[in-house]
Amino acid sequence: MREFDDRGFGGERERGPRRRPKSLPADQVVDYKDAEFLKKFVTEQGRMQPRRITGANAMQQRQIKRAIRRARVIGLLP
């Protein structure tokens, strides 16, 4: 019978902390009229990117969501 502990099979992997891109400073104001800024948070298909991709906190992500929806209504974003 083979022992797997010495070869690393089935054991814990050594991983560093997950790093997120910092796209928004803490005091950044999200404006629905700034289409160039909002395009950073929308994919090519027009979908909003999730927090784990954007690196925004929960409150910033809600502000981004509202701004993207408002910009879509007035025709600034797809």
PDB file of N, CA and C in Angstrom:
ATOM      1  N   MET A   1       0.834  -1.164   0.000  1.00  0.00           N
ATOM      2  CA  MET A   1       0.000   0.000   0.000  1.00  0.00           C
ATOM      3  C   MET A   1       0.895   1.249   0.000  1.00  0.00           C
ATOM      4  N   ARG A   2       0.545   2.202  -0.885  1.00  0.00           N
ATOM      5  CA  ARG A   2       1.340   3.415  -0.998  1.00  0.00           C
ATOM      6  C   ARG A   2       0.849   4.474  -0.023  1.00  0.00           C
ATOM      7  N   GLU A   3       1.780   5.213   0.465  1.00  0.00           N
ATOM      8  CA  GLU A   3       1.409   6.322   1.332  1.00  0.00           C
ATOM      9  C   GLU A   3       1.436   7.596   0.511  1.00  0.00           C
ATOM     10  N   PHE A   4       0.358   8.337   0.579  1.00  0.00           N
ATOM     11  CA  PHE A   4       0.222   9.523  -0.251  1.00  0.00           C
ATOM     12  C   PHE A   4       0.640  10.800   0.455  1.00  0.00           C
ATOM     13  N   ASP A   5       0.820  10.750   1.762  1.00  0.00           N
ATOM     14  CA  ASP A   5       1.120  11.966   2.504  1.00  0.00           C
ATOM     15  C   ASP A   5       2.452  12.584   2.093  1.00  0.00           C
ATOM     16  N   ASP A   6       3.438  11.746   1.804  1.00  0.00           N
ATOM     17  CA  ASP A   6       4.738  12.296   1.484  1.00  0.00           C
ATOM     18  C   ASP A   6       4.786  12.908   0.087  1.00  0.00           C
ATOM     19  N   ARG A   7       3.881  12.527  -0.776  1.00  0.00           N
ATOM     20  CA  ARG A   7       3.885  13.052  -2.133  1.00  0.00           C
ATOM     21  C   ARG A   7       2.920  14.226  -2.306  1.00  0.00           C
ATOM     22  N   GLY A   8       2.093  14.472  -1.316  1.00  0.00           N
ATOM     23  CA  GLY A   8       1.197  15.606  -1.390  1.00  0.00           C
ATOM     24  C   GLY A   8      -0.193  15.295  -1.900  1.00  0.00           C
ATOM     25  N   PHE A   9      -0.484  14.030  -2.199  1.00  0.00           N
ATOM     26  CA  PHE A   9      -1.816  13.700  -2.685  1.00  0.00           C
ATOM     27  C   PHE A   9      -2.806  13.687  -1.535  1.00  0.00           C
ATOM     28  N   GLY A  10      -3.904  14.373  -1.733  1.00  0.00           N
ATOM     29  CA  GLY A  10      -4.947  14.368  -0.724  1.00  0.00           C
ATOM     30  C   GLY A  10      -4.687  15.287   0.446  1.00  0.00           C
ATOM     31  N   GLY A  11      -3.543  15.913   0.481  1.00  0.00           N
ATOM     32  CA  GLY A  11      -3.238  16.822   1.575  1.00  0.00           C
ATOM     33  C   GLY A  11      -3.656  18.246   1.242  1.00  0.00           C
ATOM     34  N   GLU A  12      -3.298  19.135   2.105  1.00  0.00           N
ATOM     35  CA  GLU A  12      -3.642  20.520   1.869  1.00  0.00           C
ATOM     36  C   GLU A  12      -2.657  21.148   0.896  1.00  0.00           C
ATOM     37  N   ARG A  13      -3.179  21.988   0.040  1.00  0.00           N
ATOM     38  CA  ARG A  13      -2.325  22.714  -0.880  1.00  0.00           C
ATOM     39  C   ARG A  13      -1.919  24.028  -0.240  1.00  0.00           C
ATOM     40  N   GLU A  14      -0.733  24.442  -0.560  1.00  0.00           N
ATOM     41  CA  GLU A  14      -0.287  25.726  -0.034  1.00  0.00           C
ATOM     42  C   GLU A  14      -0.677  26.803  -1.032  1.00  0.00           C
ATOM     43  N   ARG A  15      -1.547  27.681  -0.600  1.00  0.00           N
ATOM     44  CA  ARG A  15      -1.993  28.769  -1.456  1.00  0.00           C
ATOM     45  C   ARG A  15      -1.844  30.071  -0.710  1.00  0.00           C
ATOM     46  N   GLY A  16      -1.542  31.082  -1.442  1.00  0.00           N
ATOM     47  CA  GLY A  16      -1.455  32.405  -0.844  1.00  0.00           C
ATOM     48  C   GLY A  16      -2.838  33.026  -0.761  1.00  0.00           C
ATOM     49  N   PRO A  17      -2.929  34.207  -0.199  1.00  0.00           N
ATOM     50  CA  PRO A  17      -4.219  34.876  -0.124  1.00  0.00           C
ATOM     51  C   PRO A  17      -4.694  35.283  -1.510  1.00  0.00           C
ATOM     52  N   ARG A  18      -5.999  35.223  -1.707  1.00  0.00           N
ATOM     53  CA  ARG A  18      -6.570  35.591  -2.989  1.00  0.00           C
ATOM     54  C   ARG A  18      -6.520  37.104  -3.143  1.00  0.00           C
ATOM     55  N   ARG A  19      -6.042  37.565  -4.267  1.00  0.00           N
ATOM     56  CA  ARG A  19      -5.898  38.999  -4.475  1.00  0.00           C
ATOM     57  C   ARG A  19      -6.964  39.474  -5.450  1.00  0.00           C
ATOM     58  N   ARG A  20      -7.605  40.571  -5.082  1.00  0.00           N
ATOM     59  CA  ARG A  20      -8.620  41.162  -5.938  1.00  0.00           C
ATOM     60  C   ARG A  20      -8.082  42.458  -6.533  1.00  0.00           C
ATOM     61  N   PRO A  21      -8.504  42.761  -7.733  1.00  0.00           N
ATOM     62  CA  PRO A  21      -8.094  44.051  -8.281  1.00  0.00           C
ATOM     63  C   PRO A  21      -8.829  45.182  -7.576  1.00  0.00           C
ATOM     64  N   LYS A  22      -8.121  46.222  -7.255  1.00  0.00           N
ATOM     65  CA  LYS A  22      -8.743  47.369  -6.604  1.00  0.00           C
ATOM     66  C   LYS A  22      -9.183  48.332  -7.694  1.00  0.00           C
ATOM     67  N   SER A  23     -10.466  48.351  -7.961  1.00  0.00           N
ATOM     68  CA  SER A  23     -10.944  49.197  -9.037  1.00  0.00           C
ATOM     69  C   SER A  23     -11.595  50.472  -8.537  1.00  0.00           C
ATOM     70  N   LEU A  24     -12.013  50.512  -7.285  1.00  0.00           N
ATOM     71  CA  LEU A  24     -12.684  51.688  -6.751  1.00  0.00           C
ATOM     72  C   LEU A  24     -12.039  52.143  -5.454  1.00  0.00           C
ATOM     73  N   PRO A  25     -11.671  53.402  -5.367  1.00  0.00           N
ATOM     74  CA  PRO A  25     -11.257  53.904  -4.060  1.00  0.00           C
ATOM     75  C   PRO A  25     -12.464  54.023  -3.135  1.00  0.00           C
ATOM     76  N   ALA A  26     -12.231  54.108  -1.852  1.00  0.00           N
ATOM     77  CA  ALA A  26     -13.326  54.106  -0.889  1.00  0.00           C
ATOM     78  C   ALA A  26     -14.229  55.325  -1.031  1.00  0.00           C
ATOM     79  N   ASP A  27     -13.679  56.453  -1.467  1.00  0.00           N
ATOM     80  CA  ASP A  27     -14.487  57.667  -1.558  1.00  0.00           C
ATOM     81  C   ASP A  27     -14.967  57.958  -2.973  1.00  0.00           C
ATOM     82  N   GLN A  28     -14.906  56.989  -3.870  1.00  0.00           N
ATOM     83  CA  GLN A  28     -15.320  57.166  -5.262  1.00  0.00           C
ATOM     84  C   GLN A  28     -16.832  57.339  -5.346  1.00  0.00           C
ATOM     85  N   VAL A  29     -17.272  58.355  -6.075  1.00  0.00           N
ATOM     86  CA  VAL A  29     -18.697  58.592  -6.291  1.00  0.00           C
ATOM     87  C   VAL A  29     -19.071  57.977  -7.637  1.00  0.00           C
ATOM     88  N   VAL A  30     -20.096  57.140  -7.643  1.00  0.00           N
ATOM     89  CA  VAL A  30     -20.535  56.479  -8.860  1.00  0.00           C
ATOM     90  C   VAL A  30     -21.651  57.313  -9.467  1.00  0.00           C
ATOM     91  N   ASP A  31     -21.441  57.767 -10.707  1.00  0.00           N
ATOM     92  CA  ASP A  31     -22.409  58.623 -11.379  1.00  0.00           C
ATOM     93  C   ASP A  31     -22.938  57.894 -12.608  1.00  0.00           C
ATOM     94  N   TYR A  32     -24.256  57.883 -12.788  1.00  0.00           N
ATOM     95  CA  TYR A  32     -24.844  57.151 -13.904  1.00  0.00           C
ATOM     96  C   TYR A  32     -24.563  57.825 -15.242  1.00  0.00           C
ATOM     97  N   LYS A  33     -24.159  59.091 -15.242  1.00  0.00           N
ATOM     98  CA  LYS A  33     -23.893  59.807 -16.492  1.00  0.00           C
ATOM     99  C   LYS A  33     -22.483  59.551 -17.016  1.00  0.00           C
ATOM    100  N   ASP A  34     -21.632  58.932 -16.210  1.00  0.00           N
ATOM    101  CA  ASP A  34     -20.255  58.642 -16.604  1.00  0.00           C
ATOM    102  C   ASP A  34     -20.192  57.256 -17.250  1.00  0.00           C
ATOM    103  N   ALA A  35     -20.501  57.203 -18.535  1.00  0.00           N
ATOM    104  CA  ALA A  35     -20.605  55.920 -19.234  1.00  0.00           C
ATOM    105  C   ALA A  35     -19.254  55.223 -19.358  1.00  0.00           C
ATOM    106  N   GLU A  36     -18.187  55.973 -19.540  1.00  0.00           N
ATOM    107  CA  GLU A  36     -16.857  55.367 -19.671  1.00  0.00           C
ATOM    108  C   GLU A  36     -16.453  54.645 -18.388  1.00  0.00           C
ATOM    109  N   PHE A  37     -16.775  55.229 -17.258  1.00  0.00           N
ATOM    110  CA  PHE A  37     -16.477  54.598 -15.973  1.00  0.00           C
ATOM    111  C   PHE A  37     -17.314  53.333 -15.793  1.00  0.00           C
ATOM    112  N   LEU A  38     -18.590  53.395 -16.161  1.00  0.00           N
ATOM    113  CA  LEU A  38     -19.484  52.250 -15.959  1.00  0.00           C
ATOM    114  C   LEU A  38     -19.171  51.092 -16.912  1.00  0.00           C
ATOM    115  N   LYS A  39     -18.549  51.378 -18.041  1.00  0.00           N
ATOM    116  CA  LYS A  39     -18.212  50.310 -18.984  1.00  0.00           C
ATOM    117  C   LYS A  39     -17.183  49.340 -18.408  1.00  0.00           C
ATOM    118  N   LYS A  40     -16.434  49.769 -17.395  1.00  0.00           N
ATOM    119  CA  LYS A  40     -15.477  48.872 -16.742  1.00  0.00           C
ATOM    120  C   LYS A  40     -16.178  47.743 -15.995  1.00  0.00           C
ATOM    121  N   PHE A  41     -17.440  47.959 -15.641  1.00  0.00           N
ATOM    122  CA  PHE A  41     -18.186  46.998 -14.828  1.00  0.00           C
ATOM    123  C   PHE A  41     -19.215  46.222 -15.636  1.00  0.00           C
ATOM    124  N   VAL A  42     -19.153  46.331 -16.964  1.00  0.00           N
ATOM    125  CA  VAL A  42     -20.094  45.641 -17.839  1.00  0.00           C
ATOM    126  C   VAL A  42     -19.281  44.800 -18.823  1.00  0.00           C
ATOM    127  N   THR A  43     -19.706  43.551 -19.050  1.00  0.00           N
ATOM    128  CA  THR A  43     -19.009  42.689 -20.000  1.00  0.00           C
ATOM    129  C   THR A  43     -19.353  43.094 -21.428  1.00  0.00           C
ATOM    130  N   GLU A  44     -18.724  42.438 -22.384  1.00  0.00           N
ATOM    131  CA  GLU A  44     -19.015  42.718 -23.784  1.00  0.00           C
ATOM    132  C   GLU A  44     -20.443  42.361 -24.156  1.00  0.00           C
ATOM    133  N   GLN A  45     -21.006  41.381 -23.461  1.00  0.00           N
ATOM    134  CA  GLN A  45     -22.387  40.989 -23.713  1.00  0.00           C
ATOM    135  C   GLN A  45     -23.390  41.922 -23.038  1.00  0.00           C
ATOM    136  N   GLY A  46     -22.898  42.865 -22.227  1.00  0.00           N
ATOM    137  CA  GLY A  46     -23.787  43.802 -21.559  1.00  0.00           C
ATOM    138  C   GLY A  46     -24.192  43.383 -20.159  1.00  0.00           C
ATOM    139  N   ARG A  47     -23.561  42.357 -19.628  1.00  0.00           N
ATOM    140  CA  ARG A  47     -23.906  41.891 -18.276  1.00  0.00           C
ATOM    141  C   ARG A  47     -23.060  42.606 -17.236  1.00  0.00           C
ATOM    142  N   MET A  48     -23.648  42.815 -16.061  1.00  0.00           N
ATOM    143  CA  MET A  48     -22.901  43.418 -14.965  1.00  0.00           C
ATOM    144  C   MET A  48     -21.941  42.389 -14.385  1.00  0.00           C
ATOM    145  N   GLN A  49     -20.738  42.820 -14.067  1.00  0.00           N
ATOM    146  CA  GLN A  49     -19.759  41.911 -13.486  1.00  0.00           C
ATOM    147  C   GLN A  49     -19.997  41.791 -11.982  1.00  0.00           C
ATOM    148  N   PRO A  50     -19.772  40.617 -11.421  1.00  0.00           N
ATOM    149  CA  PRO A  50     -19.996  40.433  -9.979  1.00  0.00           C
ATOM    150  C   PRO A  50     -18.904  41.071  -9.135  1.00  0.00           C
ATOM    151  N   ARG A  51     -19.172  41.150  -7.839  1.00  0.00           N
ATOM    152  CA  ARG A  51     -18.230  41.761  -6.893  1.00  0.00           C
ATOM    153  C   ARG A  51     -16.897  41.061  -6.870  1.00  0.00           C
ATOM    154  N   ARG A  52     -16.896  39.750  -7.000  1.00  0.00           N
ATOM    155  CA  ARG A  52     -15.637  39.018  -6.925  1.00  0.00           C
ATOM    156  C   ARG A  52     -14.717  39.355  -8.089  1.00  0.00           C
ATOM    157  N   ILE A  53     -15.287  39.849  -9.179  1.00  0.00           N
ATOM    158  CA  ILE A  53     -14.479  40.268 -10.323  1.00  0.00           C
ATOM    159  C   ILE A  53     -14.084  41.738 -10.201  1.00  0.00           C
ATOM    160  N   THR A  54     -15.035  42.591  -9.806  1.00  0.00           N
ATOM    161  CA  THR A  54     -14.766  44.028  -9.776  1.00  0.00           C
ATOM    162  C   THR A  54     -13.929  44.448  -8.586  1.00  0.00           C
ATOM    163  N   GLY A  55     -14.019  43.724  -7.475  1.00  0.00           N
ATOM    164  CA  GLY A  55     -13.280  44.099  -6.288  1.00  0.00           C
ATOM    165  C   GLY A  55     -13.956  45.168  -5.460  1.00  0.00           C
ATOM    166  N   ALA A  56     -15.187  45.513  -5.795  1.00  0.00           N
ATOM    167  CA  ALA A  56     -15.916  46.532  -5.045  1.00  0.00           C
ATOM    168  C   ALA A  56     -16.521  45.911  -3.789  1.00  0.00           C
ATOM    169  N   ASN A  57     -16.744  46.740  -2.783  1.00  0.00           N
ATOM    170  CA  ASN A  57     -17.436  46.227  -1.601  1.00  0.00           C
ATOM    171  C   ASN A  57     -18.938  46.232  -1.861  1.00  0.00           C
ATOM    172  N   ALA A  58     -19.731  45.785  -0.908  1.00  0.00           N
ATOM    173  CA  ALA A  58     -21.167  45.597  -1.135  1.00  0.00           C
ATOM    174  C   ALA A  58     -21.875  46.918  -1.438  1.00  0.00           C
ATOM    175  N   MET A  59     -21.552  47.952  -0.690  1.00  0.00           N
ATOM    176  CA  MET A  59     -22.218  49.230  -0.908  1.00  0.00           C
ATOM    177  C   MET A  59     -21.838  49.814  -2.268  1.00  0.00           C
ATOM    178  N   GLN A  60     -20.571  49.705  -2.650  1.00  0.00           N
ATOM    179  CA  GLN A  60     -20.139  50.203  -3.949  1.00  0.00           C
ATOM    180  C   GLN A  60     -20.790  49.412  -5.077  1.00  0.00           C
ATOM    181  N   GLN A  61     -20.934  48.110  -4.887  1.00  0.00           N
ATOM    182  CA  GLN A  61     -21.551  47.286  -5.928  1.00  0.00           C
ATOM    183  C   GLN A  61     -23.014  47.663  -6.123  1.00  0.00           C
ATOM    184  N   ARG A  62     -23.721  48.003  -5.052  1.00  0.00           N
ATOM    185  CA  ARG A  62     -25.104  48.459  -5.181  1.00  0.00           C
ATOM    186  C   ARG A  62     -25.176  49.783  -5.922  1.00  0.00           C
ATOM    187  N   GLN A  63     -24.240  50.680  -5.634  1.00  0.00           N
ATOM    188  CA  GLN A  63     -24.205  51.956  -6.344  1.00  0.00           C
ATOM    189  C   GLN A  63     -23.919  51.752  -7.833  1.00  0.00           C
ATOM    190  N   ILE A  64     -23.011  50.840  -8.135  1.00  0.00           N
ATOM    191  CA  ILE A  64     -22.695  50.531  -9.530  1.00  0.00           C
ATOM    192  C   ILE A  64     -23.916  49.946 -10.227  1.00  0.00           C
ATOM    193  N   LYS A  65     -24.606  49.047  -9.530  1.00  0.00           N
ATOM    194  CA  LYS A  65     -25.797  48.409 -10.102  1.00  0.00           C
ATOM    195  C   LYS A  65     -26.856  49.444 -10.450  1.00  0.00           C
ATOM    196  N   ARG A  66     -27.134  50.351  -9.516  1.00  0.00           N
ATOM    197  CA  ARG A  66     -28.136  51.392  -9.763  1.00  0.00           C
ATOM    198  C   ARG A  66     -27.732  52.298 -10.914  1.00  0.00           C
ATOM    199  N   ALA A  67     -26.450  52.668 -10.939  1.00  0.00           N
ATOM    200  CA  ALA A  67     -25.972  53.564 -11.991  1.00  0.00           C
ATOM    201  C   ALA A  67     -26.051  52.906 -13.366  1.00  0.00           C
ATOM    202  N   ILE A  68     -25.714  51.618 -13.455  1.00  0.00           N
ATOM    203  CA  ILE A  68     -25.784  50.908 -14.740  1.00  0.00           C
ATOM    204  C   ILE A  68     -27.226  50.823 -15.205  1.00  0.00           C
ATOM    205  N   ARG A  69     -28.138  50.526 -14.299  1.00  0.00           N
ATOM    206  CA  ARG A  69     -29.550  50.437 -14.680  1.00  0.00           C
ATOM    207  C   ARG A  69     -30.091  51.780 -15.145  1.00  0.00           C
ATOM    208  N   ARG A  70     -29.717  52.842 -14.454  1.00  0.00           N
ATOM    209  CA  ARG A  70     -30.168  54.177 -14.864  1.00  0.00           C
ATOM    210  C   ARG A  70     -29.579  54.567 -16.215  1.00  0.00           C
ATOM    211  N   ALA A  71     -28.303  54.235 -16.428  1.00  0.00           N
ATOM    212  CA  ALA A  71     -27.655  54.558 -17.696  1.00  0.00           C
ATOM    213  C   ALA A  71     -28.295  53.771 -18.845  1.00  0.00           C
ATOM    214  N   ARG A  72     -28.753  52.565 -18.579  1.00  0.00           N
ATOM    215  CA  ARG A  72     -29.422  51.780 -19.610  1.00  0.00           C
ATOM    216  C   ARG A  72     -30.771  52.406 -19.989  1.00  0.00           C
ATOM    217  N   VAL A  73     -31.480  52.912 -18.999  1.00  0.00           N
ATOM    218  CA  VAL A  73     -32.797  53.507 -19.251  1.00  0.00           C
ATOM    219  C   VAL A  73     -32.680  54.718 -20.160  1.00  0.00           C
ATOM    220  N   ILE A  74     -31.657  55.551 -19.941  1.00  0.00           N
ATOM    221  CA  ILE A  74     -31.524  56.737 -20.787  1.00  0.00           C
ATOM    222  C   ILE A  74     -30.677  56.490 -22.024  1.00  0.00           C
ATOM    223  N   GLY A  75     -30.215  55.256 -22.217  1.00  0.00           N
ATOM    224  CA  GLY A  75     -29.546  54.881 -23.454  1.00  0.00           C
ATOM    225  C   GLY A  75     -28.052  55.090 -23.520  1.00  0.00           C
ATOM    226  N   LEU A  76     -27.399  55.253 -22.379  1.00  0.00           N
ATOM    227  CA  LEU A  76     -25.949  55.415 -22.391  1.00  0.00           C
ATOM    228  C   LEU A  76     -25.208  54.094 -22.469  1.00  0.00           C
ATOM    229  N   LEU A  77     -25.818  53.025 -21.969  1.00  0.00           N
ATOM    230  CA  LEU A  77     -25.205  51.685 -21.983  1.00  0.00           C
ATOM    231  C   LEU A  77     -26.168  50.690 -22.615  1.00  0.00           C
ATOM    232  N   PRO A  78     -25.617  49.609 -23.157  1.00  0.00           N
ATOM    233  CA  PRO A  78     -26.495  48.569 -23.720  1.00  0.00           C
ATOM    234  C   PRO A  78     -27.185  47.764 -22.653  1.00  0.00           C
TER     235      PRO A  78
END
